[in-house]
Amino acid sequence: MPTQEFISRRVLYLMMLEYSLRHNDHVNQYIINDEGPTCLRNHMRIANEHLPVPYTTAEMNRNKEIITMTLRLTILVREIHAPTCLQLANLITELIQAAETAE
């Protein structure tokens, strides 16, 4: 079971990622193999830079896997053909609310 500190760090990261997705530049090109917008890695890097204790490279790679897996599932369930960063930001808002409820 994750500790309170771990959950809070994840929620903070999601909040920073959501902010980056909503307020930074986007590249609308879509990478099929990566299942996400090409600018996603940059948004993740920006979010990580704002954490008091940034994620390591390995943790960031794992976060990327989780986010792209979530995108793939979202594509299937919501029948989205090419998810944009704004759609991802909306999904993250839902994840933050769920995480806060779980705390």
C-alpha atoms as a PDB file:
ATOM      1  CA  MET A   1       0.000   0.000   0.000  1.00  0.00           C
ATOM      2  CA  PRO A   2       1.459   3.408  -0.951  1.00  0.00           C
ATOM      3  CA  THR A   3       2.290   5.782   1.859  1.00  0.00           C
ATOM      4  CA  GLN A   4       0.541   9.144   2.241  1.00  0.00           C
ATOM      5  CA  GLU A   5       3.739  10.900   1.095  1.00  0.00           C
ATOM      6  CA  PHE A   6       3.903   8.725  -2.035  1.00  0.00           C
ATOM      7  CA  ILE A   7       0.261   9.388  -2.913  1.00  0.00           C
ATOM      8  CA  SER A   8       0.678  13.106  -2.350  1.00  0.00           C
ATOM      9  CA  ARG A   9       3.742  13.174  -4.609  1.00  0.00           C
ATOM     10  CA  ARG A  10       1.799  11.392  -7.347  1.00  0.00           C
ATOM     11  CA  VAL A  11      -1.163  13.766  -6.991  1.00  0.00           C
ATOM     12  CA  LEU A  12       1.174  16.778  -7.084  1.00  0.00           C
ATOM     13  CA  TYR A  13       2.836  15.387 -10.213  1.00  0.00           C
ATOM     14  CA  LEU A  14      -0.549  14.899 -11.880  1.00  0.00           C
ATOM     15  CA  MET A  15      -1.517  18.456 -10.956  1.00  0.00           C
ATOM     16  CA  MET A  16       1.717  19.818 -12.436  1.00  0.00           C
ATOM     17  CA  LEU A  17       1.267  17.682 -15.552  1.00  0.00           C
ATOM     18  CA  GLU A  18      -2.302  18.871 -15.970  1.00  0.00           C
ATOM     19  CA  TYR A  19      -1.133  22.494 -15.675  1.00  0.00           C
ATOM     20  CA  SER A  20       1.632  21.925 -18.224  1.00  0.00           C
ATOM     21  CA  LEU A  21      -0.806  20.264 -20.623  1.00  0.00           C
ATOM     22  CA  ARG A  22      -3.205  23.185 -20.378  1.00  0.00           C
ATOM     23  CA  HIS A  23      -0.699  26.058 -20.469  1.00  0.00           C
ATOM     24  CA  ASN A  24       2.295  25.093 -22.624  1.00  0.00           C
ATOM     25  CA  ASP A  25       2.785  24.730 -26.365  1.00  0.00           C
ATOM     26  CA  HIS A  26       1.595  21.620 -28.145  1.00  0.00           C
ATOM     27  CA  VAL A  27       2.694  19.626 -31.146  1.00  0.00           C
ATOM     28  CA  ASN A  28      -0.445  18.140 -32.643  1.00  0.00           C
ATOM     29  CA  GLN A  29       1.448  15.392 -34.425  1.00  0.00           C
ATOM     30  CA  TYR A  30       0.490  12.004 -33.067  1.00  0.00           C
ATOM     31  CA  ILE A  31       2.928   9.133 -32.584  1.00  0.00           C
ATOM     32  CA  ILE A  32       1.269   5.787 -33.291  1.00  0.00           C
ATOM     33  CA  ASN A  33       3.924   3.640 -31.562  1.00  0.00           C
ATOM     34  CA  ASP A  34       3.953   5.869 -28.499  1.00  0.00           C
ATOM     35  CA  GLU A  35       0.155   6.180 -28.314  1.00  0.00           C
ATOM     36  CA  GLY A  36       0.374   9.851 -27.430  1.00  0.00           C
ATOM     37  CA  PRO A  37       0.985  13.373 -28.677  1.00  0.00           C
ATOM     38  CA  THR A  38       4.627  14.126 -29.504  1.00  0.00           C
ATOM     39  CA  CYS A  39       4.769  16.921 -26.912  1.00  0.00           C
ATOM     40  CA  LEU A  40       3.782  14.634 -24.005  1.00  0.00           C
ATOM     41  CA  ARG A  41       7.369  13.943 -22.892  1.00  0.00           C
ATOM     42  CA  ASN A  42       8.057  17.679 -22.693  1.00  0.00           C
ATOM     43  CA  HIS A  43       4.931  18.243 -20.581  1.00  0.00           C
ATOM     44  CA  MET A  44       6.018  15.415 -18.290  1.00  0.00           C
ATOM     45  CA  ARG A  45       9.520  16.899 -17.963  1.00  0.00           C
ATOM     46  CA  ILE A  46       8.106  20.333 -17.083  1.00  0.00           C
ATOM     47  CA  ALA A  47       5.791  18.805 -14.465  1.00  0.00           C
ATOM     48  CA  ASN A  48       8.665  16.828 -12.951  1.00  0.00           C
ATOM     49  CA  GLU A  49      10.835  19.958 -12.669  1.00  0.00           C
ATOM     50  CA  HIS A  50       8.221  21.512 -10.365  1.00  0.00           C
ATOM     51  CA  LEU A  51       8.217  18.680  -7.831  1.00  0.00           C
ATOM     52  CA  PRO A  52      10.082  19.179  -4.530  1.00  0.00           C
ATOM     53  CA  VAL A  53      11.647  15.736  -5.098  1.00  0.00           C
ATOM     54  CA  PRO A  54      11.669  15.059  -8.857  1.00  0.00           C
ATOM     55  CA  TYR A  55      11.163  11.567 -10.202  1.00  0.00           C
ATOM     56  CA  THR A  56      14.242   9.709 -11.416  1.00  0.00           C
ATOM     57  CA  THR A  57      14.657   8.818 -15.085  1.00  0.00           C
ATOM     58  CA  ALA A  58      13.483   5.270 -14.366  1.00  0.00           C
ATOM     59  CA  GLU A  59      10.425   6.570 -12.497  1.00  0.00           C
ATOM     60  CA  MET A  60       9.670   8.984 -15.339  1.00  0.00           C
ATOM     61  CA  ASN A  61       9.855   6.139 -17.848  1.00  0.00           C
ATOM     62  CA  ARG A  62       7.424   4.162 -15.693  1.00  0.00           C
ATOM     63  CA  ASN A  63       5.122   7.197 -15.458  1.00  0.00           C
ATOM     64  CA  LYS A  64       5.238   7.468 -19.257  1.00  0.00           C
ATOM     65  CA  GLU A  65       4.253   3.803 -19.581  1.00  0.00           C
ATOM     66  CA  ILE A  66       1.341   4.283 -17.187  1.00  0.00           C
ATOM     67  CA  ILE A  67       0.142   7.429 -18.943  1.00  0.00           C
ATOM     68  CA  THR A  68       0.355   5.898 -22.417  1.00  0.00           C
ATOM     69  CA  MET A  69      -1.430   2.760 -21.195  1.00  0.00           C
ATOM     70  CA  THR A  70      -4.163   4.993 -19.759  1.00  0.00           C
ATOM     71  CA  LEU A  71      -4.362   6.797 -23.099  1.00  0.00           C
ATOM     72  CA  ARG A  72      -4.727   3.492 -24.950  1.00  0.00           C
ATOM     73  CA  LEU A  73      -7.563   2.440 -22.640  1.00  0.00           C
ATOM     74  CA  THR A  74      -9.191   5.848 -23.035  1.00  0.00           C
ATOM     75  CA  ILE A  75      -8.987   5.513 -26.805  1.00  0.00           C
ATOM     76  CA  LEU A  76     -10.779   2.160 -26.611  1.00  0.00           C
ATOM     77  CA  VAL A  77     -13.438   3.124 -24.078  1.00  0.00           C
ATOM     78  CA  ARG A  78     -14.210   6.633 -25.318  1.00  0.00           C
ATOM     79  CA  GLU A  79     -13.559   5.878 -28.996  1.00  0.00           C
ATOM     80  CA  ILE A  80     -11.050   8.718 -29.370  1.00  0.00           C
ATOM     81  CA  HIS A  81      -9.020   8.343 -32.538  1.00  0.00           C
ATOM     82  CA  ALA A  82      -6.064  10.609 -31.695  1.00  0.00           C
ATOM     83  CA  PRO A  83      -6.052  11.903 -28.115  1.00  0.00           C
ATOM     84  CA  THR A  84      -4.847  15.450 -27.702  1.00  0.00           C
ATOM     85  CA  CYS A  85      -3.091  16.958 -24.725  1.00  0.00           C
ATOM     86  CA  LEU A  86      -6.288  18.755 -23.712  1.00  0.00           C
ATOM     87  CA  GLN A  87      -8.171  15.450 -23.642  1.00  0.00           C
ATOM     88  CA  LEU A  88      -5.349  14.016 -21.548  1.00  0.00           C
ATOM     89  CA  ALA A  89      -5.576  17.012 -19.193  1.00  0.00           C
ATOM     90  CA  ASN A  90      -9.296  16.336 -18.738  1.00  0.00           C
ATOM     91  CA  LEU A  91      -8.543  12.693 -17.985  1.00  0.00           C
ATOM     92  CA  ILE A  92      -5.867  13.718 -15.463  1.00  0.00           C
ATOM     93  CA  THR A  93      -8.399  15.983 -13.743  1.00  0.00           C
ATOM     94  CA  GLU A  94     -10.547  12.885 -13.240  1.00  0.00           C
ATOM     95  CA  LEU A  95      -7.531  10.917 -11.935  1.00  0.00           C
ATOM     96  CA  ILE A  96      -6.631  13.693  -9.465  1.00  0.00           C
ATOM     97  CA  GLN A  97     -10.178  13.763  -8.141  1.00  0.00           C
ATOM     98  CA  ALA A  98     -10.137   9.982  -7.733  1.00  0.00           C
ATOM     99  CA  ALA A  99      -6.740  10.075  -5.973  1.00  0.00           C
ATOM    100  CA  GLU A 100      -7.882  12.839  -3.611  1.00  0.00           C
ATOM    101  CA  THR A 101     -11.009  10.856  -2.807  1.00  0.00           C
ATOM    102  CA  ALA A 102      -8.869   7.788  -2.076  1.00  0.00           C
ATOM    103  CA  GLU A 103      -6.726   9.788   0.364  1.00  0.00           C
END
